[in-house]
C-alpha atoms as a PDB file:
ATOM      1  CA  MET A   1     113.343  92.294 122.657  1.00  0.00           C
ATOM      2  CA  ASN A   2     109.860  93.738 123.430  1.00  0.00           C
ATOM      3  CA  THR A   3     107.802  92.553 126.161  1.00  0.00           C
ATOM      4  CA  TYR A   4     104.348  91.699 125.510  1.00  0.00           C
ATOM      5  CA  MET A   5     101.510  90.418 127.679  1.00  0.00           C
ATOM      6  CA  VAL A   6      99.324  87.832 125.810  1.00  0.00           C
ATOM      7  CA  VAL A   7      96.132  86.962 127.553  1.00  0.00           C
ATOM      8  CA  HIS A   8      94.265  83.607 126.406  1.00  0.00           C
ATOM      9  CA  ARG A   9      90.516  82.629 127.265  1.00  0.00           C
ATOM     10  CA  ALA A  10      89.912  78.650 126.303  1.00  0.00           C
ATOM     11  CA  PRO A  11      87.362  77.324 129.049  1.00  0.00           C
ATOM     12  CA  GLU A  12      87.015  74.375 127.003  1.00  0.00           C
ATOM     13  CA  LEU A  13      90.715  73.309 127.737  1.00  0.00           C
ATOM     14  CA  SER A  14      91.925  70.926 130.318  1.00  0.00           C
ATOM     15  CA  TRP A  15      94.616  71.231 132.700  1.00  0.00           C
ATOM     16  CA  ASP A  16      96.164  68.767 130.804  1.00  0.00           C
ATOM     17  CA  ALA A  17      96.186  70.804 127.514  1.00  0.00           C
ATOM     18  CA  VAL A  18      97.528  73.701 128.782  1.00  0.00           C
ATOM     19  CA  GLU A  19     100.270  71.968 130.477  1.00  0.00           C
ATOM     20  CA  GLU A  20     101.347  70.273 126.875  1.00  0.00           C
ATOM     21  CA  ASN A  21     100.908  73.906 125.292  1.00  0.00           C
ATOM     22  CA  TRP A  22     103.560  75.036 127.825  1.00  0.00           C
ATOM     23  CA  ARG A  23     105.989  72.247 126.798  1.00  0.00           C
ATOM     24  CA  LYS A  24     105.630  73.127 123.453  1.00  0.00           C
ATOM     25  CA  LEU A  25     106.169  76.945 124.085  1.00  0.00           C
ATOM     26  CA  ALA A  26     109.171  76.192 126.291  1.00  0.00           C
ATOM     27  CA  HIS A  27     111.097  75.226 123.068  1.00  0.00           C
ATOM     28  CA  VAL A  28     110.138  78.200 120.992  1.00  0.00           C
ATOM     29  CA  GLU A  29     113.417  79.864 119.761  1.00  0.00           C
ATOM     30  CA  THR A  30     111.859  82.972 117.980  1.00  0.00           C
ATOM     31  CA  ALA A  31     110.585  84.467 121.217  1.00  0.00           C
ATOM     32  CA  THR A  32     110.922  83.770 124.657  1.00  0.00           C
ATOM     33  CA  TRP A  33     108.117  82.730 127.010  1.00  0.00           C
ATOM     34  CA  MET A  34     108.739  84.428 130.414  1.00  0.00           C
ATOM     35  CA  TYR A  35     106.036  83.180 132.706  1.00  0.00           C
ATOM     36  CA  THR A  36     102.391  83.035 133.312  1.00  0.00           C
ATOM     37  CA  PHE A  37      99.509  84.109 135.487  1.00  0.00           C
ATOM     38  CA  TYR A  38      96.505  81.119 135.455  1.00  0.00           C
ATOM     39  CA  ASN A  39      93.518  81.759 137.038  1.00  0.00           C
ATOM     40  CA  VAL A  40      91.969  78.305 136.764  1.00  0.00           C
ATOM     41  CA  GLU A  41      88.353  78.994 137.874  1.00  0.00           C
ATOM     42  CA  LYS A  42      87.953  81.619 134.772  1.00  0.00           C
ATOM     43  CA  SER A  43      90.363  79.388 132.342  1.00  0.00           C
ATOM     44  CA  VAL A  44      92.242  82.373 131.591  1.00  0.00           C
ATOM     45  CA  ARG A  45      96.287  82.859 131.215  1.00  0.00           C
ATOM     46  CA  PHE A  46      98.045  86.284 130.972  1.00  0.00           C
ATOM     47  CA  CYS A  47     101.778  85.180 129.640  1.00  0.00           C
ATOM     48  CA  VAL A  48     104.833  87.572 129.482  1.00  0.00           C
ATOM     49  CA  TRP A  49     106.744  87.335 126.632  1.00  0.00           C
ATOM     50  CA  ASN A  50     109.912  88.569 125.350  1.00  0.00           C
ATOM     51  CA  ALA A  51     109.876  88.914 121.285  1.00  0.00           C
ATOM     52  CA  PRO A  52     111.008  91.158 118.706  1.00  0.00           C
ATOM     53  CA  ASP A  53     107.494  92.195 117.915  1.00  0.00           C
ATOM     54  CA  ARG A  54     103.670  91.379 117.612  1.00  0.00           C
ATOM     55  CA  GLU A  55     103.899  89.581 114.411  1.00  0.00           C
ATOM     56  CA  THR A  56     106.547  87.080 115.613  1.00  0.00           C
ATOM     57  CA  LEU A  57     104.241  85.918 118.731  1.00  0.00           C
ATOM     58  CA  GLU A  58     101.015  85.960 116.306  1.00  0.00           C
ATOM     59  CA  LYS A  59     103.104  83.408 114.380  1.00  0.00           C
ATOM     60  CA  VAL A  60     103.965  81.188 117.495  1.00  0.00           C
ATOM     61  CA  PHE A  61     100.512  80.740 118.474  1.00  0.00           C
ATOM     62  CA  PHE A  62      98.963  80.433 114.700  1.00  0.00           C
ATOM     63  CA  ASP A  63     101.821  77.590 114.045  1.00  0.00           C
ATOM     64  CA  LEU A  64     100.915  75.989 117.369  1.00  0.00           C
ATOM     65  CA  GLY A  65      97.009  76.247 117.277  1.00  0.00           C
ATOM     66  CA  ILE A  66      97.097  78.398 120.122  1.00  0.00           C
ATOM     67  CA  SER A  67      94.358  81.013 120.461  1.00  0.00           C
ATOM     68  CA  PHE A  68      94.904  84.109 122.369  1.00  0.00           C
ATOM     69  CA  GLU A  69      92.525  86.884 122.752  1.00  0.00           C
ATOM     70  CA  SER A  70      95.008  90.000 122.648  1.00  0.00           C
ATOM     71  CA  ILE A  71      98.543  90.857 122.866  1.00  0.00           C
ATOM     72  CA  THR A  72      99.757  93.807 124.338  1.00  0.00           C
ATOM     73  CA  GLU A  73     103.413  95.201 124.468  1.00  0.00           C
ATOM     74  CA  VAL A  74     104.230  96.208 128.120  1.00  0.00           C
ATOM     75  CA  THR A  75     106.727  97.943 130.433  1.00  0.00           C
ATOM     76  CA  GLU A  76     107.496  96.681 133.901  1.00  0.00           C
ATOM     77  CA  THR A  77     107.306  98.699 136.698  1.00  0.00           C
ATOM     78  CA  LYS A  78     107.346  98.122 140.221  1.00  0.00           C
ATOM     79  CA  PRO A  79     107.973  99.858 143.713  1.00  0.00           C
ATOM     80  CA  ASP A  80     111.749  98.484 144.107  1.00  0.00           C
ATOM     81  CA  LEU A  81     112.729 100.177 140.677  1.00  0.00           C
ATOM     82  CA  TRP A  82     111.322 103.841 141.614  1.00  0.00           C
ATOM     83  CA  SER A  83     113.622 106.630 143.113  1.00  0.00           C
ATOM     84  CA  ALA A  84     113.056 106.654 146.793  1.00  0.00           C
ATOM     85  CA  LYS A  85     111.293 110.421 145.791  1.00  0.00           C
ATOM     86  CA  GLN A  86     109.065 108.731 143.520  1.00  0.00           C
ATOM     87  CA  TRP A  87     108.010 106.106 146.366  1.00  0.00           C
ATOM     88  CA  GLN A  88     107.334 108.527 149.035  1.00  0.00           C
ATOM     89  CA  LYS A  89     105.532 110.804 146.814  1.00  0.00           C
ATOM     90  CA  HIS A  90     103.211 107.678 145.785  1.00  0.00           C
ATOM     91  CA  LEU A  91     102.708 106.970 149.278  1.00  0.00           C
ATOM     92  CA  ALA A  92     101.737 110.325 149.993  1.00  0.00           C
ATOM     93  CA  ALA A  93      99.112 110.073 147.429  1.00  0.00           C
ATOM     94  CA  GLU A  94      97.825 106.798 148.341  1.00  0.00           C
ATOM     95  CA  ALA A  95      97.383 108.078 151.928  1.00  0.00           C
ATOM     96  CA  ALA A  96      95.335 111.106 150.759  1.00  0.00           C
ATOM     97  CA  ALA A  97      93.100 109.341 147.716  1.00  0.00           C
ATOM     98  CA  ASP A  98      89.715 108.647 148.600  1.00  0.00           C
ATOM     99  CA  THR A  99      89.712 104.911 147.605  1.00  0.00           C
ATOM    100  CA  LEU A 100      91.616 104.348 150.665  1.00  0.00           C
ATOM    101  CA  GLY A 101      91.034 100.932 151.875  1.00  0.00           C
ATOM    102  CA  ALA A 102      88.658 100.311 149.271  1.00  0.00           C
END
């Protein structure tokens, strides 16, 4: 399975409509909806999915009548996945950066 970030912008959708879509998406069998980051103020959702390919996700959204702005394959990374050596290198680069505290 591959991991994808799907961006949805739909300012015309009410919160109730978004929740109804989430209930539908939770039952999809061809792909797995992992979680969503939702900015209510801007009405934009960033959804993380596992799927065999992009086309599978496009079909899921088409079949359910859900629009999307983009689908991008992604790889997760976070500090606790890095080796101690890489983390120390990262911290040193951050400390020396011109944008420190910006």
